[in-house]
């Protein structure tokens, strides 16, 4: 359900893309 909500947002791809910047810093995981 979360994934579908994101995919229906106009800039949902940008949300996922931005999160990659966050989880690339230690000690983040995911």
ModelCIF file with pLDDT and N, C-alpha, C, O atoms, coordinates in Angstrom:
data_MODEL
#
_entry.id   MODEL 
#
_entity.id                         1 
_entity.type                       polymer 
_entity.pdbx_number_of_molecules   1 
#
_entity_poly.entity_id                      1 
_entity_poly.type                           'polypeptide(L)' 
_entity_poly.nstd_linkage                   no 
_entity_poly.nstd_monomer                   no 
_entity_poly.pdbx_seq_one_letter_code       
;(UNK)(UNK)(UNK)(UNK)(UNK)(UNK)(UNK)(UNK)(UNK)(UNK)(UNK)(UNK)(UNK)(UNK)(UNK)(UNK)
(UNK)(UNK)(UNK)(UNK)(UNK)(UNK)(UNK)(UNK)(UNK)(UNK)(UNK)(UNK)(UNK)(UNK)
;
_entity_poly.pdbx_seq_one_letter_code_can   XXXXXXXXXXXXXXXXXXXXXXXXXXXXXX 
_entity_poly.pdbx_strand_id                 A 
#
loop_
_entity_poly_seq.entity_id 
_entity_poly_seq.num 
_entity_poly_seq.mon_id 
_entity_poly_seq.hetero 
1 1  UNK n 
1 2  UNK n 
1 3  UNK n 
1 4  UNK n 
1 5  UNK n 
1 6  UNK n 
1 7  UNK n 
1 8  UNK n 
1 9  UNK n 
1 10 UNK n 
1 11 UNK n 
1 12 UNK n 
1 13 UNK n 
1 14 UNK n 
1 15 UNK n 
1 16 UNK n 
1 17 UNK n 
1 18 UNK n 
1 19 UNK n 
1 20 UNK n 
1 21 UNK n 
1 22 UNK n 
1 23 UNK n 
1 24 UNK n 
1 25 UNK n 
1 26 UNK n 
1 27 UNK n 
1 28 UNK n 
1 29 UNK n 
1 30 UNK n 
#
_struct_asym.id          A 
_struct_asym.entity_id   1 
#
loop_
_ma_qa_metric.id 
_ma_qa_metric.mode 
_ma_qa_metric.name 
_ma_qa_metric.software_group_id 
_ma_qa_metric.type 
1 global pLDDT . pLDDT 
2 local  pLDDT . pLDDT 
#
_ma_qa_metric_global.metric_id      1 
_ma_qa_metric_global.metric_value   89.63 
_ma_qa_metric_global.model_id       1 
_ma_qa_metric_global.ordinal_id     1 
#
loop_
_ma_qa_metric_local.label_asym_id 
_ma_qa_metric_local.label_comp_id 
_ma_qa_metric_local.label_seq_id 
_ma_qa_metric_local.metric_id 
_ma_qa_metric_local.metric_value 
_ma_qa_metric_local.model_id 
_ma_qa_metric_local.ordinal_id 
A UNK 1  2 86.00 1 1  
A UNK 2  2 86.00 1 2  
A UNK 3  2 87.00 1 3  
A UNK 4  2 88.00 1 4  
A UNK 5  2 91.00 1 5  
A UNK 6  2 91.00 1 6  
A UNK 7  2 90.00 1 7  
A UNK 8  2 91.00 1 8  
A UNK 9  2 91.00 1 9  
A UNK 10 2 88.00 1 10 
A UNK 11 2 92.00 1 11 
A UNK 12 2 93.00 1 12 
A UNK 13 2 94.00 1 13 
A UNK 14 2 95.00 1 14 
A UNK 15 2 94.00 1 15 
A UNK 16 2 94.00 1 16 
A UNK 17 2 96.00 1 17 
A UNK 18 2 96.00 1 18 
A UNK 19 2 95.00 1 19 
A UNK 20 2 95.00 1 20 
A UNK 21 2 95.00 1 21 
A UNK 22 2 93.00 1 22 
A UNK 23 2 92.00 1 23 
A UNK 24 2 91.00 1 24 
A UNK 25 2 87.00 1 25 
A UNK 26 2 79.00 1 26 
A UNK 27 2 74.00 1 27 
A UNK 28 2 81.00 1 28 
A UNK 29 2 79.00 1 29 
A UNK 30 2 85.00 1 30 
#
loop_
_atom_site.group_PDB 
_atom_site.id 
_atom_site.type_symbol 
_atom_site.label_atom_id 
_atom_site.label_alt_id 
_atom_site.label_comp_id 
_atom_site.label_asym_id 
_atom_site.label_entity_id 
_atom_site.label_seq_id 
_atom_site.pdbx_PDB_ins_code 
_atom_site.Cartn_x 
_atom_site.Cartn_y 
_atom_site.Cartn_z 
_atom_site.occupancy 
_atom_site.B_iso_or_equiv 
_atom_site.pdbx_formal_charge 
_atom_site.auth_seq_id 
_atom_site.auth_comp_id 
_atom_site.auth_asym_id 
_atom_site.auth_atom_id 
_atom_site.pdbx_PDB_model_num 
ATOM 1   N N  . UNK A 1 1  ? 0.830  -1.213 0.000   1.00 86.00 ? 1  UNK A N  1 
ATOM 2   C CA . UNK A 1 1  ? 0.000  0.000  0.000   1.00 86.00 ? 1  UNK A CA 1 
ATOM 3   C C  . UNK A 1 1  ? 0.865  1.264  0.000   1.00 86.00 ? 1  UNK A C  1 
ATOM 4   O O  . UNK A 1 1  ? 0.567  2.238  -0.692  1.00 86.00 ? 1  UNK A O  1 
ATOM 5   N N  . UNK A 1 2  ? 1.946  1.225  0.795   1.00 86.00 ? 2  UNK A N  1 
ATOM 6   C CA . UNK A 1 2  ? 2.868  2.363  0.828   1.00 86.00 ? 2  UNK A CA 1 
ATOM 7   C C  . UNK A 1 2  ? 3.503  2.583  -0.539  1.00 86.00 ? 2  UNK A C  1 
ATOM 8   O O  . UNK A 1 2  ? 3.587  3.714  -1.017  1.00 86.00 ? 2  UNK A O  1 
ATOM 9   N N  . UNK A 1 3  ? 3.947  1.503  -1.162  1.00 87.00 ? 3  UNK A N  1 
ATOM 10  C CA . UNK A 1 3  ? 4.581  1.605  -2.470  1.00 87.00 ? 3  UNK A CA 1 
ATOM 11  C C  . UNK A 1 3  ? 3.614  2.155  -3.515  1.00 87.00 ? 3  UNK A C  1 
ATOM 12  O O  . UNK A 1 3  ? 3.999  2.953  -4.370  1.00 87.00 ? 3  UNK A O  1 
ATOM 13  N N  . UNK A 1 4  ? 2.354  1.723  -3.439  1.00 88.00 ? 4  UNK A N  1 
ATOM 14  C CA . UNK A 1 4  ? 1.362  2.218  -4.400  1.00 88.00 ? 4  UNK A CA 1 
ATOM 15  C C  . UNK A 1 4  ? 1.071  3.703  -4.206  1.00 88.00 ? 4  UNK A C  1 
ATOM 16  O O  . UNK A 1 4  ? 0.879  4.434  -5.178  1.00 88.00 ? 4  UNK A O  1 
ATOM 17  N N  . UNK A 1 5  ? 1.039  4.146  -2.949  1.00 91.00 ? 5  UNK A N  1 
ATOM 18  C CA . UNK A 1 5  ? 0.845  5.569  -2.693  1.00 91.00 ? 5  UNK A CA 1 
ATOM 19  C C  . UNK A 1 5  ? 1.980  6.389  -3.285  1.00 91.00 ? 5  UNK A C  1 
ATOM 20  O O  . UNK A 1 5  ? 1.756  7.424  -3.913  1.00 91.00 ? 5  UNK A O  1 
ATOM 21  N N  . UNK A 1 6  ? 3.191  5.914  -3.077  1.00 91.00 ? 6  UNK A N  1 
ATOM 22  C CA . UNK A 1 6  ? 4.361  6.619  -3.608  1.00 91.00 ? 6  UNK A CA 1 
ATOM 23  C C  . UNK A 1 6  ? 4.322  6.668  -5.126  1.00 91.00 ? 6  UNK A C  1 
ATOM 24  O O  . UNK A 1 6  ? 4.618  7.703  -5.724  1.00 91.00 ? 6  UNK A O  1 
ATOM 25  N N  . UNK A 1 7  ? 3.961  5.559  -5.750  1.00 90.00 ? 7  UNK A N  1 
ATOM 26  C CA . UNK A 1 7  ? 3.961  5.491  -7.214  1.00 90.00 ? 7  UNK A CA 1 
ATOM 27  C C  . UNK A 1 7  ? 2.892  6.384  -7.835  1.00 90.00 ? 7  UNK A C  1 
ATOM 28  O O  . UNK A 1 7  ? 3.009  6.779  -8.995  1.00 90.00 ? 7  UNK A O  1 
ATOM 29  N N  . UNK A 1 8  ? 1.852  6.704  -7.067  1.00 91.00 ? 8  UNK A N  1 
ATOM 30  C CA . UNK A 1 8  ? 0.782  7.558  -7.588  1.00 91.00 ? 8  UNK A CA 1 
ATOM 31  C C  . UNK A 1 8  ? 1.034  9.044  -7.333  1.00 91.00 ? 8  UNK A C  1 
ATOM 32  O O  . UNK A 1 8  ? 0.317  9.895  -7.860  1.00 91.00 ? 8  UNK A O  1 
ATOM 33  N N  . UNK A 1 9  ? 2.042  9.354  -6.534  1.00 91.00 ? 9  UNK A N  1 
ATOM 34  C CA . UNK A 1 9  ? 2.413  10.755 -6.362  1.00 91.00 ? 9  UNK A CA 1 
ATOM 35  C C  . UNK A 1 9  ? 3.091  11.253 -7.643  1.00 91.00 ? 9  UNK A C  1 
ATOM 36  O O  . UNK A 1 9  ? 3.810  10.492 -8.291  1.00 91.00 ? 9  UNK A O  1 
ATOM 37  N N  . UNK A 1 10 ? 2.873  12.525 -8.017  1.00 88.00 ? 10 UNK A N  1 
ATOM 38  C CA . UNK A 1 10 ? 3.525  13.058 -9.223  1.00 88.00 ? 10 UNK A CA 1 
ATOM 39  C C  . UNK A 1 10 ? 5.051  12.958 -9.160  1.00 88.00 ? 10 UNK A C  1 
ATOM 40  O O  . UNK A 1 10 ? 5.705  12.688 -10.167 1.00 88.00 ? 10 UNK A O  1 
ATOM 41  N N  . UNK A 1 11 ? 5.607  13.178 -7.971  1.00 92.00 ? 11 UNK A N  1 
ATOM 42  C CA . UNK A 1 11 ? 7.051  13.108 -7.809  1.00 92.00 ? 11 UNK A CA 1 
ATOM 43  C C  . UNK A 1 11 ? 7.439  12.014 -6.810  1.00 92.00 ? 11 UNK A C  1 
ATOM 44  O O  . UNK A 1 11 ? 8.365  12.178 -6.016  1.00 92.00 ? 11 UNK A O  1 
ATOM 45  N N  . UNK A 1 12 ? 6.717  10.905 -6.868  1.00 93.00 ? 12 UNK A N  1 
ATOM 46  C CA . UNK A 1 12 ? 7.004  9.798  -5.972  1.00 93.00 ? 12 UNK A CA 1 
ATOM 47  C C  . UNK A 1 12 ? 8.411  9.253  -6.171  1.00 93.00 ? 12 UNK A C  1 
ATOM 48  O O  . UNK A 1 12 ? 9.082  8.863  -5.215  1.00 93.00 ? 12 UNK A O  1 
ATOM 49  N N  . UNK A 1 13 ? 8.847  9.231  -7.425  1.00 94.00 ? 13 UNK A N  1 
ATOM 50  C CA . UNK A 1 13 ? 10.200 8.736  -7.722  1.00 94.00 ? 13 UNK A CA 1 
ATOM 51  C C  . UNK A 1 13 ? 11.265 9.600  -7.047  1.00 94.00 ? 13 UNK A C  1 
ATOM 52  O O  . UNK A 1 13 ? 12.324 9.109  -6.655  1.00 94.00 ? 13 UNK A O  1 
ATOM 53  N N  . UNK A 1 14 ? 10.962 10.907 -6.919  1.00 95.00 ? 14 UNK A N  1 
ATOM 54  C CA . UNK A 1 14 ? 11.919 11.822 -6.298  1.00 95.00 ? 14 UNK A CA 1 
ATOM 55  C C  . UNK A 1 14 ? 12.028 11.556 -4.800  1.00 95.00 ? 14 UNK A C  1 
ATOM 56  O O  . UNK A 1 14 ? 13.094 11.731 -4.208  1.00 95.00 ? 14 UNK A O  1 
ATOM 57  N N  . UNK A 1 15 ? 10.915 11.132 -4.188  1.00 94.00 ? 15 UNK A N  1 
ATOM 58  C CA . UNK A 1 15 ? 10.947 10.786 -2.763  1.00 94.00 ? 15 UNK A CA 1 
ATOM 59  C C  . UNK A 1 15 ? 11.906 9.624  -2.530  1.00 94.00 ? 15 UNK A C  1 
ATOM 60  O O  . UNK A 1 15 ? 12.760 9.678  -1.646  1.00 94.00 ? 15 UNK A O  1 
ATOM 61  N N  . UNK A 1 16 ? 11.754 8.572  -3.336  1.00 94.00 ? 16 UNK A N  1 
ATOM 62  C CA . UNK A 1 16 ? 12.633 7.412  -3.201  1.00 94.00 ? 16 UNK A CA 1 
ATOM 63  C C  . UNK A 1 16 ? 14.087 7.786  -3.502  1.00 94.00 ? 16 UNK A C  1 
ATOM 64  O O  . UNK A 1 16 ? 15.006 7.353  -2.806  1.00 94.00 ? 16 UNK A O  1 
ATOM 65  N N  . UNK A 1 17 ? 14.278 8.585  -4.535  1.00 96.00 ? 17 UNK A N  1 
ATOM 66  C CA . UNK A 1 17 ? 15.621 9.004  -4.924  1.00 96.00 ? 17 UNK A CA 1 
ATOM 67  C C  . UNK A 1 17 ? 16.294 9.775  -3.789  1.00 96.00 ? 17 UNK A C  1 
ATOM 68  O O  . UNK A 1 17 ? 17.483 9.586  -3.528  1.00 96.00 ? 17 UNK A O  1 
ATOM 69  N N  . UNK A 1 18 ? 15.536 10.642 -3.114  1.00 96.00 ? 18 UNK A N  1 
ATOM 70  C CA . UNK A 1 18 ? 16.084 11.446 -2.020  1.00 96.00 ? 18 UNK A CA 1 
ATOM 71  C C  . UNK A 1 18 ? 16.444 10.589 -0.815  1.00 96.00 ? 18 UNK A C  1 
ATOM 72  O O  . UNK A 1 18 ? 17.452 10.830 -0.151  1.00 96.00 ? 18 UNK A O  1 
ATOM 73  N N  . UNK A 1 19 ? 15.615 9.587  -0.537  1.00 95.00 ? 19 UNK A N  1 
ATOM 74  C CA . UNK A 1 19 ? 15.884 8.720  0.619   1.00 95.00 ? 19 UNK A CA 1 
ATOM 75  C C  . UNK A 1 19 ? 17.209 7.989  0.446   1.00 95.00 ? 19 UNK A C  1 
ATOM 76  O O  . UNK A 1 19 ? 17.876 7.691  1.437   1.00 95.00 ? 19 UNK A O  1 
ATOM 77  N N  . UNK A 1 20 ? 17.604 7.695  -0.790  1.00 95.00 ? 20 UNK A N  1 
ATOM 78  C CA . UNK A 1 20 ? 18.887 7.040  -1.031  1.00 95.00 ? 20 UNK A CA 1 
ATOM 79  C C  . UNK A 1 20 ? 20.047 7.885  -0.484  1.00 95.00 ? 20 UNK A C  1 
ATOM 80  O O  . UNK A 1 20 ? 21.037 7.334  -0.002  1.00 95.00 ? 20 UNK A O  1 
ATOM 81  N N  . UNK A 1 21 ? 19.931 9.202  -0.556  1.00 95.00 ? 21 UNK A N  1 
ATOM 82  C CA . UNK A 1 21 ? 20.975 10.074 -0.035  1.00 95.00 ? 21 UNK A CA 1 
ATOM 83  C C  . UNK A 1 21 ? 21.071 9.952  1.486   1.00 95.00 ? 21 UNK A C  1 
ATOM 84  O O  . UNK A 1 21 ? 22.161 10.033 2.052   1.00 95.00 ? 21 UNK A O  1 
ATOM 85  N N  . UNK A 1 22 ? 19.923 9.758  2.144   1.00 93.00 ? 22 UNK A N  1 
ATOM 86  C CA . UNK A 1 22 ? 19.897 9.668  3.601   1.00 93.00 ? 22 UNK A CA 1 
ATOM 87  C C  . UNK A 1 22 ? 20.498 8.345  4.075   1.00 93.00 ? 22 UNK A C  1 
ATOM 88  O O  . UNK A 1 22 ? 21.343 8.329  4.970   1.00 93.00 ? 22 UNK A O  1 
ATOM 89  N N  . UNK A 1 23 ? 20.061 7.232  3.472   1.00 92.00 ? 23 UNK A N  1 
ATOM 90  C CA . UNK A 1 23 ? 20.493 5.911  3.966   1.00 92.00 ? 23 UNK A CA 1 
ATOM 91  C C  . UNK A 1 23 ? 21.909 5.561  3.501   1.00 92.00 ? 23 UNK A C  1 
ATOM 92  O O  . UNK A 1 23 ? 22.415 4.488  3.829   1.00 92.00 ? 23 UNK A O  1 
ATOM 93  N N  . UNK A 1 24 ? 22.549 6.447  2.745   1.00 91.00 ? 24 UNK A N  1 
ATOM 94  C CA . UNK A 1 24 ? 23.931 6.198  2.331   1.00 91.00 ? 24 UNK A CA 1 
ATOM 95  C C  . UNK A 1 24 ? 24.936 6.660  3.385   1.00 91.00 ? 24 UNK A C  1 
ATOM 96  O O  . UNK A 1 24 ? 26.130 6.385  3.270   1.00 91.00 ? 24 UNK A O  1 
ATOM 97  N N  . UNK A 1 25 ? 24.450 7.368  4.418   1.00 87.00 ? 25 UNK A N  1 
ATOM 98  C CA . UNK A 1 25 ? 25.321 7.830  5.508   1.00 87.00 ? 25 UNK A CA 1 
ATOM 99  C C  . UNK A 1 25 ? 25.273 6.854  6.673   1.00 87.00 ? 25 UNK A C  1 
ATOM 100 O O  . UNK A 1 25 ? 24.191 6.404  7.050   1.00 87.00 ? 25 UNK A O  1 
ATOM 101 N N  . UNK A 1 26 ? 26.424 6.516  7.254   1.00 79.00 ? 26 UNK A N  1 
ATOM 102 C CA . UNK A 1 26 ? 26.415 5.673  8.451   1.00 79.00 ? 26 UNK A CA 1 
ATOM 103 C C  . UNK A 1 26 ? 25.873 6.457  9.641   1.00 79.00 ? 26 UNK A C  1 
ATOM 104 O O  . UNK A 1 26 ? 26.072 7.671  9.704   1.00 79.00 ? 26 UNK A O  1 
ATOM 105 N N  . UNK A 1 27 ? 25.198 5.810  10.582  1.00 74.00 ? 27 UNK A N  1 
ATOM 106 C CA . UNK A 1 27 ? 24.979 4.357  10.671  1.00 74.00 ? 27 UNK A CA 1 
ATOM 107 C C  . UNK A 1 27 ? 23.632 3.915  10.112  1.00 74.00 ? 27 UNK A C  1 
ATOM 108 O O  . UNK A 1 27 ? 23.074 2.928  10.592  1.00 74.00 ? 27 UNK A O  1 
ATOM 109 N N  . UNK A 1 28 ? 23.093 4.608  9.119   1.00 81.00 ? 28 UNK A N  1 
ATOM 110 C CA . UNK A 1 28 ? 21.786 4.249  8.563   1.00 81.00 ? 28 UNK A CA 1 
ATOM 111 C C  . UNK A 1 28 ? 21.841 2.876  7.894   1.00 81.00 ? 28 UNK A C  1 
ATOM 112 O O  . UNK A 1 28 ? 22.892 2.438  7.427   1.00 81.00 ? 28 UNK A O  1 
ATOM 113 N N  . UNK A 1 29 ? 20.701 2.217  7.858   1.00 79.00 ? 29 UNK A N  1 
ATOM 114 C CA . UNK A 1 29 ? 20.572 0.927  7.180   1.00 79.00 ? 29 UNK A CA 1 
ATOM 115 C C  . UNK A 1 29 ? 19.353 0.991  6.269   1.00 79.00 ? 29 UNK A C  1 
ATOM 116 O O  . UNK A 1 29 ? 18.543 1.914  6.361   1.00 79.00 ? 29 UNK A O  1 
ATOM 117 N N  . UNK A 1 30 ? 19.233 0.000  5.389   1.00 85.00 ? 30 UNK A N  1 
ATOM 118 C CA . UNK A 1 30 ? 18.026 -0.084 4.576   1.00 85.00 ? 30 UNK A CA 1 
ATOM 119 C C  . UNK A 1 30 ? 18.239 0.087  3.088   1.00 85.00 ? 30 UNK A C  1 
ATOM 120 O O  . UNK A 1 30 ? 17.281 0.032  2.317   1.00 85.00 ? 30 UNK A O  1 
#
